Each structure stands twice: as structure tokens, then as C-alpha cells.
Amino acid sequence: MAGEAERGRTRRGRIRPPYDVFRAAPESKAVWDELPEAVRTAIAGCDAERLAVERSRVAPELREKITAPVYSVAERFASWERVVRRMEPGWSSEDFYPVSAYSNDLDSRDSLDEAMRGLPEEARAGALGRLLERLDARFRAASVPDPDGSLRPWVRPTKERPEAELAEWWKRRPEREPWD
């Protein structure tokens, strides 16, 4: 019974499994499991700052109920890995993935750069930095340049910036569209 209470139930009464940040993101999970304590501590600091931002956006009576950030550093890495995996040949999934989710994932990739700048050199040059480089390389391999911005009507960053200042992932489109 305790397991059911921990997992919770859906509206239809089915037991919901515990939330797994690293679902469908095995490479991120493997790196996370091996992070040195100093890097974990720095990530916890980033996550605490993010939690404060997320709490500030809800009604006061809800703030204390939020105990972990939705957009933690781990979630951002896992999210980027999932979108890259969706774009790669051989991915098959029956879960719904709208084009708006792709925009969110690209925004999340932008925020990874911000998070990485806030981490110590040990993280940027170490396993996390190498993971990000590998995921970015896989993204480039599964996408093509989009100089005409063919996705821009549907895929736009949330922060207003001139097109020239956007990171490379905003200027590419998937060879295999994951929302098809």
C-alpha cells in the first residue's frame, strides 16, 4: 500500500509510476550516476535558484508544495537527450510529441548553456560538458541547416532575440520530424 501512495493514482484510478527524470535518457542517467560530489553540490545550487524562480510564479499557498524544480539541470539534460533520440533513425514511440514540445526542448537547450556557465570548470570540462558535446553532435547529425527558417512559424524561442543571435539548434531542422 505504501508503494501505491508513493506513486499516486491517475484520475482513472490507475497507479502512476514514480516520476523518472531520466526516462528515455540513458546516457544522461549514466553520466549523472558518476558525477563527483563537488559537481553535484554545484548542480544543487543551480537547482535551488531555479526552484526559487518557479515558486515565485505561483500563488503563495502553492509555493511550499513545490519541493523540486520542474526545470532542474538533470531534467534539461534528459530533455535534450530525449529530443535528440526522437530525431534519430530507429526511434519509435507512440507517445504524442507536438511541434510546440520541440520549441520547449530547444528553449531548454538554451537554458543548459546558462546552467553550464554557472557550474565550476570541473563540470564544464568534465563529464557533463562531454555529454552536452555528444548530444549536440548527435543533434547536428540528425538535423540539417534551415537557412530559410522554415520552422519559424511554429518553432520560436520564448526570449526575443534577433535571428542572428540564436544558437545553432534554432537554425536547423530535423531530417526526421519527431512530431510526425
Protein backbone atom coordinates (compact mmCIF):
# COMPACT_ATOMS: atom_id res chain seq x y z
CA MET A 1 0.00 0.00 0.00
CA ALA A 2 2.88 2.40 0.74
CA GLY A 3 4.13 1.90 -2.82
CA GLU A 4 0.75 2.94 -4.20
CA ALA A 5 0.72 6.03 -2.02
CA GLU A 6 4.23 6.99 -3.17
CA ARG A 7 3.36 6.57 -6.82
CA GLY A 8 -0.08 8.13 -6.64
CA ARG A 9 -3.05 7.39 -8.79
CA THR A 10 -4.21 8.84 -12.07
CA ARG A 11 -7.71 10.29 -12.48
CA ARG A 12 -8.86 6.94 -13.76
CA GLY A 13 -7.56 5.15 -10.68
CA ARG A 14 -4.53 3.53 -12.31
CA ILE A 15 -1.32 3.53 -10.34
CA ARG A 16 1.12 6.07 -11.67
CA PRO A 17 4.80 5.07 -11.59
CA PRO A 18 7.19 7.39 -9.74
CA TYR A 19 8.46 10.28 -11.84
CA ASP A 20 11.77 9.46 -13.50
CA VAL A 21 13.76 12.47 -14.69
CA PHE A 22 15.92 10.20 -16.83
CA ARG A 23 13.12 8.26 -18.58
CA ALA A 24 14.28 7.53 -22.13
CA ALA A 25 17.59 9.31 -21.42
CA PRO A 26 20.06 6.52 -20.57
CA GLU A 27 23.21 8.43 -21.48
CA SER A 28 22.32 11.31 -19.17
CA LYS A 29 21.46 8.86 -16.37
CA ALA A 30 24.81 7.08 -16.74
CA VAL A 31 26.72 10.37 -16.52
CA TRP A 32 24.62 11.57 -13.58
CA ASP A 33 25.30 8.41 -11.63
CA GLU A 34 29.06 9.08 -11.85
CA LEU A 35 29.20 12.83 -11.11
CA PRO A 36 31.69 13.87 -8.42
CA GLU A 37 30.25 15.32 -5.21
CA ALA A 38 31.56 18.82 -5.96
CA VAL A 39 29.65 18.88 -9.25
CA ARG A 40 26.50 17.52 -7.59
CA THR A 41 26.74 20.29 -4.99
CA ALA A 42 27.09 22.95 -7.69
CA ILE A 43 24.10 21.50 -9.56
CA ALA A 44 22.08 21.55 -6.33
CA GLY A 45 22.85 25.28 -6.11
CA CYS A 46 21.60 25.86 -9.67
CA ASP A 47 18.50 23.83 -8.93
CA ALA A 48 17.83 25.81 -5.73
CA GLU A 49 17.95 29.05 -7.73
CA ARG A 50 15.60 27.56 -10.33
CA LEU A 51 13.23 26.36 -7.60
CA ALA A 52 13.03 29.89 -6.22
CA VAL A 53 12.12 31.21 -9.68
CA GLU A 54 9.46 28.55 -10.20
CA ARG A 55 7.99 29.13 -6.74
CA SER A 56 7.83 32.88 -7.37
CA ARG A 57 5.48 32.26 -10.29
CA VAL A 58 2.71 30.54 -8.33
CA ALA A 59 0.20 31.56 -5.69
CA PRO A 60 1.61 31.81 -2.15
CA GLU A 61 -0.47 28.87 -0.91
CA LEU A 62 1.17 26.63 -3.52
CA ARG A 63 4.80 27.71 -3.10
CA GLU A 64 5.74 25.39 -0.26
CA LYS A 65 4.17 22.43 -2.03
CA ILE A 66 6.75 22.74 -4.80
CA THR A 67 9.81 20.93 -3.48
CA ALA A 68 11.87 20.42 -6.62
CA PRO A 69 12.22 22.49 -9.79
CA VAL A 70 10.42 21.24 -12.87
CA TYR A 71 13.32 22.51 -14.96
CA SER A 72 16.21 21.09 -12.96
CA VAL A 73 19.62 20.73 -14.58
CA ALA A 74 19.05 16.95 -14.76
CA GLU A 75 15.67 17.45 -16.45
CA ARG A 76 17.19 19.80 -19.02
CA PHE A 77 19.90 17.27 -19.92
CA ALA A 78 17.39 14.44 -20.10
CA SER A 79 15.01 16.55 -22.17
CA TRP A 80 17.76 17.37 -24.67
CA GLU A 81 18.75 13.72 -24.92
CA ARG A 82 15.11 12.68 -25.48
CA VAL A 83 14.57 15.14 -28.32
CA VAL A 84 17.83 14.08 -29.96
CA ARG A 85 16.83 10.42 -29.66
CA ARG A 86 13.41 11.22 -31.19
CA MET A 87 15.13 12.74 -34.22
CA GLU A 88 17.48 9.82 -34.81
CA PRO A 89 16.66 6.97 -37.17
CA GLY A 90 15.16 3.98 -35.47
CA TRP A 91 13.26 5.85 -32.77
CA SER A 92 9.79 4.50 -32.37
CA SER A 93 7.37 5.75 -29.82
CA GLU A 94 3.66 6.04 -29.60
CA ASP A 95 3.69 8.98 -27.22
CA PHE A 96 2.40 12.28 -28.55
CA TYR A 97 5.05 14.88 -29.37
CA PRO A 98 3.67 18.16 -30.76
CA VAL A 99 5.81 20.71 -32.55
CA SER A 100 5.29 23.02 -29.55
CA ALA A 101 7.19 20.48 -27.42
CA TYR A 102 10.10 20.82 -29.85
CA SER A 103 10.16 24.59 -29.19
CA ASN A 104 10.23 23.90 -25.45
CA ASP A 105 13.10 21.45 -25.90
CA LEU A 106 15.12 24.00 -27.88
CA ASP A 107 14.45 26.59 -25.16
CA SER A 108 15.58 24.01 -22.63
CA ARG A 109 18.80 23.56 -24.61
CA ASP A 110 19.34 27.33 -24.42
CA SER A 111 18.94 27.15 -20.65
CA LEU A 112 21.53 24.37 -20.49
CA ASP A 113 24.12 26.87 -21.71
CA GLU A 114 23.12 29.24 -18.90
CA ALA A 115 23.25 26.44 -16.32
CA MET A 116 26.64 25.22 -17.55
CA ARG A 117 28.10 28.74 -17.24
CA GLY A 118 27.04 28.69 -13.58
CA LEU A 119 28.82 25.42 -12.84
CA PRO A 120 32.50 25.02 -11.92
CA GLU A 121 35.13 24.24 -14.55
CA GLU A 122 35.18 20.63 -13.32
CA ALA A 123 31.61 20.23 -14.61
CA ARG A 124 32.02 22.20 -17.85
CA ALA A 125 35.20 20.38 -18.87
CA GLY A 126 34.25 17.07 -17.29
CA ALA A 127 31.54 14.51 -17.85
CA LEU A 128 28.67 17.00 -18.14
CA GLY A 129 30.47 19.08 -20.74
CA ARG A 130 31.37 15.97 -22.72
CA LEU A 131 27.76 14.72 -22.51
CA LEU A 132 26.49 18.02 -23.87
CA GLU A 133 29.04 17.92 -26.70
CA ARG A 134 27.97 14.36 -27.63
CA LEU A 135 24.27 15.25 -27.57
CA ASP A 136 24.89 18.37 -29.67
CA ALA A 137 26.87 16.32 -32.20
CA ARG A 138 24.04 13.80 -32.41
CA PHE A 139 21.59 16.68 -32.90
CA ARG A 140 23.68 18.05 -35.77
CA ALA A 141 23.84 14.57 -37.33
CA ALA A 142 20.05 14.20 -37.16
CA SER A 143 19.28 17.68 -38.48
CA VAL A 144 20.01 19.85 -41.49
CA PRO A 145 20.62 23.58 -41.82
CA ASP A 146 17.42 25.60 -42.17
CA PRO A 147 18.64 28.92 -43.60
CA ASP A 148 15.11 29.92 -44.64
CA GLY A 149 13.73 29.35 -41.14
CA SER A 150 11.05 27.01 -42.44
CA LEU A 151 10.05 26.01 -38.90
CA ARG A 152 9.92 29.56 -37.53
CA PRO A 153 6.11 29.90 -37.89
CA TRP A 154 5.74 27.02 -35.40
CA VAL A 155 9.08 26.89 -33.59
CA ARG A 156 10.09 30.13 -31.89
CA PRO A 157 12.25 30.86 -28.86
CA THR A 158 10.48 32.32 -25.86
CA LYS A 159 13.08 35.05 -25.38
CA GLU A 160 13.03 37.74 -28.03
CA ARG A 161 16.38 37.94 -29.83
CA PRO A 162 17.45 38.77 -33.35
CA GLU A 163 17.70 35.66 -35.53
CA ALA A 164 21.46 36.17 -35.87
CA GLU A 165 21.89 35.77 -32.09
CA LEU A 166 20.05 32.45 -31.88
CA ALA A 167 22.07 29.32 -31.14
CA GLU A 168 22.66 26.79 -33.91
CA TRP A 169 19.83 24.46 -32.83
CA TRP A 170 17.30 27.16 -33.73
CA LYS A 171 18.79 27.33 -37.25
CA ARG A 172 18.47 23.63 -38.04
CA ARG A 173 15.51 21.37 -38.64
CA PRO A 174 15.22 17.65 -38.00
CA GLU A 175 15.74 15.40 -41.00
CA ARG A 176 13.11 13.15 -39.48
CA GLU A 177 10.45 15.33 -37.85
CA PRO A 178 9.66 13.87 -34.44
CA TRP A 179 6.13 15.28 -34.43
CA ASP A 180 5.03 13.26 -37.48
